[in-house]
Amino acid sequence: MAACALIETGDLDGDLDHDLVVGCRLDESLVSYENNGMGGLVRRTGSHVLDSRPTSLRIADLDEDGRGDVVVGPRRQGPIRDLPEHRALEPPVRPVGARDTGSPGFRDHRRERRRRFRPAGAR
């Protein structure tokens, strides 16, 4: 892995342990590692190539299905990327829209206490 600068942990597969996602800036990719339950991490097959260098990386269960979703912010202007359920970092990757319509710096879906966050175009 080249220039891996972003690291985030979360439960990607719903087994209640922490898995690992690493954002690599030079090759504009994400690599994930699954917790094997015995104190070790196993690299998942392949990596996911992004449109630009990742500058932010978060894991959150956006659709409340018990599996973490990976959200990546790009370096260049463009859509935020949501990798639903992060299944071995394979496509599809969906662009999601988000904006601040109230107080600066607050994510409105949380500030307004909405229970579900549904990315644009999601069914």
Protein backbone atom coordinates (compact mmCIF):
# COMPACT_ATOMS: atom_id res chain seq x y z
CA MET A 1 0.00 0.00 0.00
CA ALA A 2 1.33 3.40 -0.92
CA ALA A 3 0.84 6.51 1.23
CA CYS A 4 -1.91 5.12 3.39
CA ALA A 5 -2.99 8.10 5.43
CA LEU A 6 -6.58 7.41 6.51
CA ILE A 7 -7.57 4.64 8.90
CA GLU A 8 -11.05 3.89 10.23
CA THR A 9 -12.50 0.97 12.17
CA GLY A 10 -16.06 -0.29 12.31
CA ASP A 11 -18.17 -3.42 11.96
CA LEU A 12 -18.36 -3.97 8.20
CA ASP A 13 -19.80 -7.48 8.21
CA GLY A 14 -22.25 -7.44 11.14
CA ASP A 15 -20.28 -9.85 13.36
CA LEU A 16 -19.93 -7.29 16.19
CA ASP A 17 -16.15 -6.88 15.96
CA HIS A 18 -14.08 -4.06 14.49
CA ASP A 19 -12.83 -4.36 10.93
CA LEU A 20 -10.39 -1.91 9.34
CA VAL A 21 -10.48 0.31 6.24
CA VAL A 22 -7.37 2.14 5.03
CA GLY A 23 -7.45 5.06 2.58
CA CYS A 24 -4.41 5.32 0.30
CA ARG A 25 -3.82 8.73 -1.22
CA LEU A 26 -1.15 8.06 -3.85
CA ASP A 27 -2.98 5.27 -5.64
CA GLU A 28 -6.44 6.72 -4.80
CA SER A 29 -7.79 3.53 -3.29
CA LEU A 30 -9.34 1.91 -0.23
CA VAL A 31 -8.25 -1.40 1.25
CA SER A 32 -10.19 -3.29 3.91
CA TYR A 33 -9.18 -5.84 6.50
CA GLU A 34 -11.63 -8.18 8.22
CA ASN A 35 -11.23 -9.03 11.90
CA ASN A 36 -10.94 -12.83 12.04
CA GLY A 37 -12.22 -12.97 15.63
CA MET A 38 -8.91 -14.31 16.94
CA GLY A 39 -7.02 -11.04 17.26
CA GLY A 40 -5.88 -10.84 13.64
CA LEU A 41 -6.84 -8.92 10.52
CA VAL A 42 -7.21 -10.58 7.11
CA ARG A 43 -7.04 -8.45 3.97
CA ARG A 44 -10.19 -8.66 1.92
CA THR A 45 -9.75 -9.47 -1.74
CA GLY A 46 -8.72 -6.52 -3.89
CA SER A 47 -9.09 -2.84 -3.27
CA HIS A 48 -11.43 -0.15 -4.48
CA VAL A 49 -10.04 2.55 -6.79
CA LEU A 50 -11.55 6.00 -6.24
CA ASP A 51 -12.05 8.99 -8.57
CA SER A 52 -9.58 11.10 -6.59
CA ARG A 53 -7.47 11.06 -3.43
CA PRO A 54 -9.51 10.39 -0.30
CA THR A 55 -9.36 13.18 2.29
CA SER A 56 -11.84 11.82 4.81
CA LEU A 57 -13.08 8.36 5.68
CA ARG A 58 -15.87 7.24 8.02
CA ILE A 59 -17.71 4.02 8.76
CA ALA A 60 -21.32 4.27 9.91
CA ASP A 61 -24.43 2.13 9.57
CA LEU A 62 -26.35 4.62 7.42
CA ASP A 63 -29.12 2.23 6.41
CA GLU A 64 -29.40 0.56 9.85
CA ASP A 65 -28.90 -2.99 8.55
CA GLY A 66 -26.28 -3.91 11.16
CA ARG A 67 -23.34 -3.55 8.77
CA GLY A 68 -21.10 -0.52 8.50
CA ASP A 69 -21.20 1.57 5.35
CA VAL A 70 -18.04 3.36 4.22
CA VAL A 71 -18.28 7.05 3.30
CA VAL A 72 -15.33 8.69 1.55
CA GLY A 73 -14.76 12.39 0.92
CA PRO A 74 -12.79 13.20 -2.26
CA ARG A 75 -9.90 15.66 -2.58
CA ARG A 76 -11.27 17.25 -5.73
CA GLN A 77 -14.71 18.76 -5.87
CA GLY A 78 -17.20 16.04 -6.50
CA PRO A 79 -19.71 13.75 -4.83
CA ILE A 80 -19.15 12.06 -1.51
CA ARG A 81 -18.95 8.30 -2.08
CA ASP A 82 -20.99 5.76 -0.15
CA LEU A 83 -19.85 2.15 -0.40
CA PRO A 84 -22.96 0.31 0.80
CA GLU A 85 -22.14 -2.54 3.18
CA HIS A 86 -18.55 -2.40 1.93
CA ARG A 87 -18.74 -5.91 0.46
CA ALA A 88 -15.10 -6.65 -0.33
CA LEU A 89 -14.81 -3.09 -1.64
CA GLU A 90 -16.40 -3.97 -4.95
CA PRO A 91 -18.69 -1.70 -6.95
CA PRO A 92 -21.35 -0.38 -6.86
CA VAL A 93 -20.20 2.91 -5.47
CA ARG A 94 -22.97 5.48 -5.21
CA PRO A 95 -22.57 9.24 -5.06
CA VAL A 96 -24.54 10.74 -2.19
CA GLY A 97 -25.53 14.33 -1.65
CA ALA A 98 -25.34 16.15 1.65
CA ARG A 99 -25.64 19.79 2.53
CA ASP A 100 -25.86 22.01 5.54
CA THR A 101 -29.15 23.90 5.50
CA GLY A 102 -29.09 25.18 9.07
CA SER A 103 -26.23 26.01 11.37
CA PRO A 104 -22.80 25.88 9.73
CA GLY A 105 -20.90 22.69 10.38
CA PHE A 106 -23.80 20.51 11.50
CA ARG A 107 -24.98 17.49 9.56
CA ASP A 108 -28.66 18.21 9.26
CA HIS A 109 -29.86 14.60 9.31
CA ARG A 110 -28.40 14.27 12.83
CA ARG A 111 -29.29 17.73 14.11
CA GLU A 112 -32.93 17.18 13.19
CA ARG A 113 -32.82 13.72 14.83
CA ARG A 114 -33.98 11.83 11.77
CA ARG A 115 -33.85 8.08 12.29
CA ARG A 116 -32.84 7.12 8.77
CA PHE A 117 -30.34 8.58 6.34
CA ARG A 118 -31.16 7.60 2.79
CA PRO A 119 -28.62 8.51 0.09
CA ALA A 120 -29.90 10.24 -3.03
CA GLY A 121 -31.13 7.66 -5.52
CA ALA A 122 -31.46 4.89 -2.91
CA ARG A 123 -34.57 2.75 -2.98
